[in-house]
Amino acid sequence: LGGILFTLEPVTKTPKTQDFLAEAKRDLEERKAKILSEGKIEKINDELDRFILDTQIGERKFRLAYYVIRQKNGGATLVGSSNLDDKTGLGTEIEKIAKSFK
């Protein structure tokens, strides 16, 4: 499994990272997912924050990387998912996409 969900927003509607984390956890609870580990919110740069949730639904384990992008002219949220045991470097690619947002 691997995928990306990208949502563009006016900067005024882009959620605060702490709010996005709370929303993500609520969504996972509603889906009956178990959160295996929760990374701290990290400030990648002045425009980009990230947090990671390792989750399990049934027997399947996933790593979900969440990004909040806030720039002068707009914002976005980005969620990338991969199998928790994935060694393909998908997480690195997702972060490159988040950093390249203009």
C-alpha atoms as a PDB file:
ATOM      1  CA  LEU A   1       0.000   0.000   0.000  1.00  0.00           C
ATOM      2  CA  GLY A   2       1.200   3.471  -0.728  1.00  0.00           C
ATOM      3  CA  GLY A   3      -0.495   6.661  -1.629  1.00  0.00           C
ATOM      4  CA  ILE A   4      -0.678  10.409  -1.268  1.00  0.00           C
ATOM      5  CA  LEU A   5      -3.602  12.691  -0.442  1.00  0.00           C
ATOM      6  CA  PHE A   6      -2.943  16.364  -1.174  1.00  0.00           C
ATOM      7  CA  THR A   7      -5.439  19.108  -0.246  1.00  0.00           C
ATOM      8  CA  LEU A   8      -4.958  22.730  -1.313  1.00  0.00           C
ATOM      9  CA  GLU A   9      -6.428  25.449   0.916  1.00  0.00           C
ATOM     10  CA  PRO A  10      -6.356  29.216   1.264  1.00  0.00           C
ATOM     11  CA  VAL A  11      -3.782  29.971   3.943  1.00  0.00           C
ATOM     12  CA  THR A  12      -6.597  31.179   6.244  1.00  0.00           C
ATOM     13  CA  LYS A  13      -8.223  27.724   6.076  1.00  0.00           C
ATOM     14  CA  THR A  14      -5.070  25.654   6.359  1.00  0.00           C
ATOM     15  CA  PRO A  15      -5.283  23.910   9.739  1.00  0.00           C
ATOM     16  CA  LYS A  16      -2.776  24.438  12.510  1.00  0.00           C
ATOM     17  CA  THR A  17      -0.565  21.388  12.766  1.00  0.00           C
ATOM     18  CA  GLN A  18      -1.817  20.508  16.269  1.00  0.00           C
ATOM     19  CA  ASP A  19      -5.413  20.630  14.984  1.00  0.00           C
ATOM     20  CA  PHE A  20      -4.509  18.465  11.986  1.00  0.00           C
ATOM     21  CA  LEU A  21      -2.925  15.916  14.337  1.00  0.00           C
ATOM     22  CA  ALA A  22      -6.104  15.796  16.458  1.00  0.00           C
ATOM     23  CA  GLU A  23      -8.239  15.427  13.317  1.00  0.00           C
ATOM     24  CA  ALA A  24      -6.015  12.616  12.012  1.00  0.00           C
ATOM     25  CA  LYS A  25      -6.251  10.720  15.300  1.00  0.00           C
ATOM     26  CA  ARG A  26     -10.066  11.101  15.372  1.00  0.00           C
ATOM     27  CA  ASP A  27     -10.279   9.823  11.795  1.00  0.00           C
ATOM     28  CA  LEU A  28      -8.129   6.806  12.631  1.00  0.00           C
ATOM     29  CA  GLU A  29     -10.221   6.028  15.720  1.00  0.00           C
ATOM     30  CA  GLU A  30     -13.387   6.156  13.595  1.00  0.00           C
ATOM     31  CA  ARG A  31     -11.770   3.673  11.203  1.00  0.00           C
ATOM     32  CA  LYS A  32     -10.991   1.380  14.161  1.00  0.00           C
ATOM     33  CA  ALA A  33      -7.256   1.790  13.611  1.00  0.00           C
ATOM     34  CA  LYS A  34      -4.793   1.272  16.412  1.00  0.00           C
ATOM     35  CA  ILE A  35      -2.069   3.912  16.733  1.00  0.00           C
ATOM     36  CA  LEU A  36       1.181   2.027  17.332  1.00  0.00           C
ATOM     37  CA  SER A  37       3.368   5.108  17.712  1.00  0.00           C
ATOM     38  CA  GLU A  38       2.959   8.854  17.435  1.00  0.00           C
ATOM     39  CA  GLY A  39       5.852  11.042  16.396  1.00  0.00           C
ATOM     40  CA  LYS A  40       6.216  14.581  17.677  1.00  0.00           C
ATOM     41  CA  ILE A  41       5.333  17.522  15.484  1.00  0.00           C
ATOM     42  CA  GLU A  42       8.504  18.531  13.652  1.00  0.00           C
ATOM     43  CA  LYS A  43       9.162  21.896  12.029  1.00  0.00           C
ATOM     44  CA  ILE A  44      10.943  21.035   8.770  1.00  0.00           C
ATOM     45  CA  ASN A  45      11.300  24.713   7.791  1.00  0.00           C
ATOM     46  CA  ASP A  46       9.364  27.972   8.213  1.00  0.00           C
ATOM     47  CA  GLU A  47       6.619  26.755   5.853  1.00  0.00           C
ATOM     48  CA  LEU A  48       6.462  23.035   6.591  1.00  0.00           C
ATOM     49  CA  ASP A  49       5.522  20.920   9.623  1.00  0.00           C
ATOM     50  CA  ARG A  50       5.352  17.113   9.826  1.00  0.00           C
ATOM     51  CA  PHE A  51       4.163  14.387  12.145  1.00  0.00           C
ATOM     52  CA  ILE A  52       4.113  10.614  11.680  1.00  0.00           C
ATOM     53  CA  LEU A  53       1.628   8.056  12.955  1.00  0.00           C
ATOM     54  CA  ASP A  54       2.333   4.335  12.740  1.00  0.00           C
ATOM     55  CA  THR A  55      -0.981   2.524  12.672  1.00  0.00           C
ATOM     56  CA  GLN A  56      -2.554  -0.884  12.388  1.00  0.00           C
ATOM     57  CA  ILE A  57      -5.902  -1.870  10.893  1.00  0.00           C
ATOM     58  CA  GLY A  58      -6.565  -5.562  11.300  1.00  0.00           C
ATOM     59  CA  GLU A  59      -3.292  -7.301  10.527  1.00  0.00           C
ATOM     60  CA  ARG A  60      -1.989  -4.526   8.232  1.00  0.00           C
ATOM     61  CA  LYS A  61       0.481  -1.956   9.552  1.00  0.00           C
ATOM     62  CA  PHE A  62       0.950   1.453   7.954  1.00  0.00           C
ATOM     63  CA  ARG A  63       3.137   4.512   8.354  1.00  0.00           C
ATOM     64  CA  LEU A  64       1.235   7.746   7.770  1.00  0.00           C
ATOM     65  CA  ALA A  65       3.290  10.894   7.253  1.00  0.00           C
ATOM     66  CA  TYR A  66       1.299  14.121   7.602  1.00  0.00           C
ATOM     67  CA  TYR A  67       2.494  17.523   6.403  1.00  0.00           C
ATOM     68  CA  VAL A  68       1.055  21.014   6.846  1.00  0.00           C
ATOM     69  CA  ILE A  69       2.310  23.550   4.338  1.00  0.00           C
ATOM     70  CA  ARG A  70       1.726  27.264   4.992  1.00  0.00           C
ATOM     71  CA  GLN A  71       2.947  29.823   2.507  1.00  0.00           C
ATOM     72  CA  LYS A  72       2.089  33.454   1.865  1.00  0.00           C
ATOM     73  CA  ASN A  73      -0.201  32.693  -1.079  1.00  0.00           C
ATOM     74  CA  GLY A  74      -1.798  29.487   0.166  1.00  0.00           C
ATOM     75  CA  GLY A  75      -1.480  26.318   2.114  1.00  0.00           C
ATOM     76  CA  ALA A  76      -1.961  22.596   1.847  1.00  0.00           C
ATOM     77  CA  THR A  77      -2.109  19.395   3.773  1.00  0.00           C
ATOM     78  CA  LEU A  78      -0.436  16.273   2.507  1.00  0.00           C
ATOM     79  CA  VAL A  79      -0.730  12.730   3.814  1.00  0.00           C
ATOM     80  CA  GLY A  80       1.444   9.941   2.525  1.00  0.00           C
ATOM     81  CA  SER A  81       0.957   6.300   3.440  1.00  0.00           C
ATOM     82  CA  SER A  82       3.147   3.277   3.088  1.00  0.00           C
ATOM     83  CA  ASN A  83       3.395  -0.211   4.494  1.00  0.00           C
ATOM     84  CA  LEU A  84       5.187   0.020   7.845  1.00  0.00           C
ATOM     85  CA  ASP A  85       7.775  -2.487   6.607  1.00  0.00           C
ATOM     86  CA  ASP A  86       8.268  -0.704   3.253  1.00  0.00           C
ATOM     87  CA  LYS A  87      11.946  -0.215   2.500  1.00  0.00           C
ATOM     88  CA  THR A  88      11.451   1.501  -0.885  1.00  0.00           C
ATOM     89  CA  GLY A  89      12.064   5.013   0.408  1.00  0.00           C
ATOM     90  CA  LEU A  90       8.502   6.194  -0.183  1.00  0.00           C
ATOM     91  CA  GLY A  91       8.682   8.351   2.965  1.00  0.00           C
ATOM     92  CA  THR A  92      11.667  10.215   1.554  1.00  0.00           C
ATOM     93  CA  GLU A  93       9.826  10.788  -1.725  1.00  0.00           C
ATOM     94  CA  ILE A  94       6.744  12.118   0.069  1.00  0.00           C
ATOM     95  CA  GLU A  95       8.879  14.598   2.004  1.00  0.00           C
ATOM     96  CA  LYS A  96      10.525  15.749  -1.251  1.00  0.00           C
ATOM     97  CA  ILE A  97       7.064  16.449  -2.672  1.00  0.00           C
ATOM     98  CA  ALA A  98       6.075  18.398   0.448  1.00  0.00           C
ATOM     99  CA  LYS A  99       9.277  20.452   0.340  1.00  0.00           C
ATOM    100  CA  SER A 100       8.835  21.229  -3.360  1.00  0.00           C
ATOM    101  CA  PHE A 101       5.352  22.733  -2.953  1.00  0.00           C
ATOM    102  CA  LYS A 102       5.111  26.299  -4.300  1.00  0.00           C
END
